[in-house]
C-alpha atoms as a PDB file:
ATOM      1  CA  MET A   1     -72.101 115.449 -34.163  1.00  0.00           C
ATOM      2  CA  SER A   2     -69.314 118.596 -34.946  1.00  0.00           C
ATOM      3  CA  VAL A   3     -65.434 118.064 -34.513  1.00  0.00           C
ATOM      4  CA  GLU A   4     -63.067 121.006 -34.370  1.00  0.00           C
ATOM      5  CA  ILE A   5     -59.609 120.750 -35.537  1.00  0.00           C
ATOM      6  CA  LYS A   6     -57.063 123.435 -34.795  1.00  0.00           C
ATOM      7  CA  LYS A   7     -54.031 121.562 -35.227  1.00  0.00           C
ATOM      8  CA  GLY A   8     -52.994 117.956 -37.247  1.00  0.00           C
ATOM      9  CA  GLU A   9     -55.181 116.282 -39.135  1.00  0.00           C
ATOM     10  CA  LEU A  10     -57.965 113.676 -38.710  1.00  0.00           C
ATOM     11  CA  LYS A  11     -57.833 110.586 -40.966  1.00  0.00           C
ATOM     12  CA  ILE A  12     -60.770 108.196 -40.941  1.00  0.00           C
ATOM     13  CA  ASN A  13     -59.911 104.743 -42.171  1.00  0.00           C
ATOM     14  CA  LYS A  14     -61.785 101.536 -42.693  1.00  0.00           C
ATOM     15  CA  ASP A  15     -60.928  99.670 -39.424  1.00  0.00           C
ATOM     16  CA  ASN A  16     -59.062 102.661 -37.279  1.00  0.00           C
ATOM     17  CA  ILE A  17     -58.994 106.766 -36.489  1.00  0.00           C
ATOM     18  CA  LEU A  18     -55.944 108.172 -36.681  1.00  0.00           C
ATOM     19  CA  TYR A  19     -55.334 111.407 -35.288  1.00  0.00           C
ATOM     20  CA  THR A  20     -51.464 113.378 -36.490  1.00  0.00           C
ATOM     21  CA  LEU A  21     -50.237 116.211 -34.640  1.00  0.00           C
ATOM     22  CA  GLU A  22     -46.856 117.369 -36.732  1.00  0.00           C
ATOM     23  CA  GLU A  23     -45.049 120.090 -34.228  1.00  0.00           C
ATOM     24  CA  SER A  24     -46.024 118.755 -30.773  1.00  0.00           C
ATOM     25  CA  HIS A  25     -43.481 120.223 -27.669  1.00  0.00           C
ATOM     26  CA  VAL A  26     -45.176 117.415 -25.890  1.00  0.00           C
ATOM     27  CA  ALA A  27     -43.836 113.836 -26.358  1.00  0.00           C
ATOM     28  CA  TYR A  28     -46.953 111.640 -25.507  1.00  0.00           C
ATOM     29  CA  SER A  29     -45.062 108.546 -25.255  1.00  0.00           C
ATOM     30  CA  GLU A  30     -41.811 107.598 -25.004  1.00  0.00           C
ATOM     31  CA  PRO A  31     -40.357 108.405 -28.409  1.00  0.00           C
ATOM     32  CA  VAL A  32     -39.894 105.600 -31.351  1.00  0.00           C
ATOM     33  CA  THR A  33     -37.345 105.785 -34.276  1.00  0.00           C
ATOM     34  CA  ASN A  34     -40.039 103.469 -36.417  1.00  0.00           C
ATOM     35  CA  GLU A  35     -44.074 105.563 -37.495  1.00  0.00           C
ATOM     36  CA  ASP A  36     -45.288 101.967 -37.109  1.00  0.00           C
ATOM     37  CA  ASP A  37     -44.070 101.303 -34.200  1.00  0.00           C
ATOM     38  CA  PHE A  38     -47.300 102.337 -31.326  1.00  0.00           C
ATOM     39  CA  ILE A  39     -47.328 102.227 -27.512  1.00  0.00           C
ATOM     40  CA  SER A  40     -50.636 101.076 -26.090  1.00  0.00           C
ATOM     41  CA  SER A  41     -52.539 103.460 -23.590  1.00  0.00           C
ATOM     42  CA  GLY A  42     -55.456 101.885 -22.966  1.00  0.00           C
ATOM     43  CA  LYS A  43     -57.951 101.745 -26.218  1.00  0.00           C
ATOM     44  CA  VAL A  44     -55.775 104.766 -27.474  1.00  0.00           C
ATOM     45  CA  LEU A  45     -52.085 103.741 -29.300  1.00  0.00           C
ATOM     46  CA  VAL A  46     -49.923 106.318 -29.194  1.00  0.00           C
ATOM     47  CA  ASN A  47     -46.629 107.055 -31.823  1.00  0.00           C
ATOM     48  CA  THR A  48     -44.122 109.773 -30.972  1.00  0.00           C
ATOM     49  CA  ILE A  49     -41.242 110.725 -33.119  1.00  0.00           C
ATOM     50  CA  LYS A  50     -38.721 113.701 -32.144  1.00  0.00           C
ATOM     51  CA  LYS A  51     -37.857 115.654 -34.834  1.00  0.00           C
ATOM     52  CA  GLY A  52     -35.398 118.222 -33.955  1.00  0.00           C
ATOM     53  CA  ASP A  53     -36.722 120.288 -31.280  1.00  0.00           C
ATOM     54  CA  VAL A  54     -40.715 119.151 -31.529  1.00  0.00           C
ATOM     55  CA  TYR A  55     -42.023 115.888 -31.740  1.00  0.00           C
ATOM     56  CA  GLU A  56     -44.459 114.281 -34.271  1.00  0.00           C
ATOM     57  CA  VAL A  57     -47.856 112.250 -31.929  1.00  0.00           C
ATOM     58  CA  ARG A  58     -49.917 110.216 -33.661  1.00  0.00           C
ATOM     59  CA  LEU A  59     -52.863 108.575 -31.391  1.00  0.00           C
ATOM     60  CA  LYS A  60     -54.864 105.781 -33.065  1.00  0.00           C
ATOM     61  CA  ILE A  61     -57.909 103.721 -32.246  1.00  0.00           C
ATOM     62  CA  ASN A  62     -58.420 100.797 -34.214  1.00  0.00           C
ATOM     63  CA  VAL A  63     -62.367  99.613 -34.277  1.00  0.00           C
ATOM     64  CA  ASP A  64     -64.322  96.447 -34.769  1.00  0.00           C
ATOM     65  CA  TYR A  65     -66.723  98.136 -37.501  1.00  0.00           C
ATOM     66  CA  ASP A  66     -66.387  99.040 -41.268  1.00  0.00           C
ATOM     67  CA  LEU A  67     -66.118 102.910 -41.363  1.00  0.00           C
ATOM     68  CA  ASN A  68     -67.307 104.205 -44.212  1.00  0.00           C
ATOM     69  CA  TYR A  69     -66.540 107.874 -44.515  1.00  0.00           C
ATOM     70  CA  GLU A  70     -68.105 109.843 -47.535  1.00  0.00           C
ATOM     71  CA  GLY A  71     -66.073 113.130 -47.790  1.00  0.00           C
ATOM     72  CA  GLY A  72     -63.035 111.751 -48.358  1.00  0.00           C
ATOM     73  CA  THR A  73     -60.537 110.098 -45.943  1.00  0.00           C
ATOM     74  CA  GLN A  74     -58.899 113.074 -43.401  1.00  0.00           C
ATOM     75  CA  LEU A  75     -60.206 116.335 -41.908  1.00  0.00           C
ATOM     76  CA  ILE A  76     -57.438 119.067 -41.671  1.00  0.00           C
ATOM     77  CA  LYS A  77     -57.266 122.040 -39.596  1.00  0.00           C
ATOM     78  CA  SER A  78     -60.173 124.619 -39.798  1.00  0.00           C
ATOM     79  CA  SER A  79     -61.289 127.752 -38.599  1.00  0.00           C
ATOM     80  CA  SER A  80     -64.414 125.983 -38.180  1.00  0.00           C
ATOM     81  CA  ALA A  81     -65.799 123.248 -37.227  1.00  0.00           C
ATOM     82  CA  TYR A  82     -66.671 120.155 -39.235  1.00  0.00           C
ATOM     83  CA  LYS A  83     -70.257 118.864 -38.864  1.00  0.00           C
ATOM     84  CA  LEU A  84     -70.418 114.974 -39.201  1.00  0.00           C
ATOM     85  CA  SER A  85     -73.337 112.603 -39.261  1.00  0.00           C
ATOM     86  CA  ILE A  86     -72.764 109.157 -38.150  1.00  0.00           C
ATOM     87  CA  ILE A  87     -74.932 106.670 -39.186  1.00  0.00           C
ATOM     88  CA  ASN A  88     -74.970 102.972 -38.117  1.00  0.00           C
ATOM     89  CA  LYS A  89     -76.410 100.743 -40.977  1.00  0.00           C
ATOM     90  CA  GLY A  90     -76.245  97.540 -38.828  1.00  0.00           C
ATOM     91  CA  GLY A  91     -74.203  94.919 -38.604  1.00  0.00           C
ATOM     92  CA  ASN A  92     -70.727  95.996 -38.361  1.00  0.00           C
ATOM     93  CA  GLN A  93     -71.309  98.869 -41.067  1.00  0.00           C
ATOM     94  CA  ILE A  94     -71.053 102.388 -40.005  1.00  0.00           C
ATOM     95  CA  THR A  95     -70.764 105.767 -42.264  1.00  0.00           C
ATOM     96  CA  ILE A  96     -69.759 108.994 -41.748  1.00  0.00           C
ATOM     97  CA  LYS A  97     -71.319 111.849 -43.657  1.00  0.00           C
ATOM     98  CA  LEU A  98     -69.740 115.374 -43.635  1.00  0.00           C
ATOM     99  CA  ILE A  99     -72.811 117.764 -43.714  1.00  0.00           C
END
């Protein structure tokens, strides 16, 4: 699987995946004042904070799996795509490797 990130960063945590776009000209939800306040949009939780003329947008998906990302914890913008291997080790154990 390939993932291309031209803007923002993708963090893979133990129980969620979080994408942050720091300078968006579009509000993806009603702006909030606290970075921990998310608004539900189906399975995706959205957090939009107004910062001057732009918005910082966070999109979060909580998962029922135990995610283990062996390449660190985050993917940042890059000129080339990241290549990932996703392995289901049975039960709720999923390992993600950068290849």
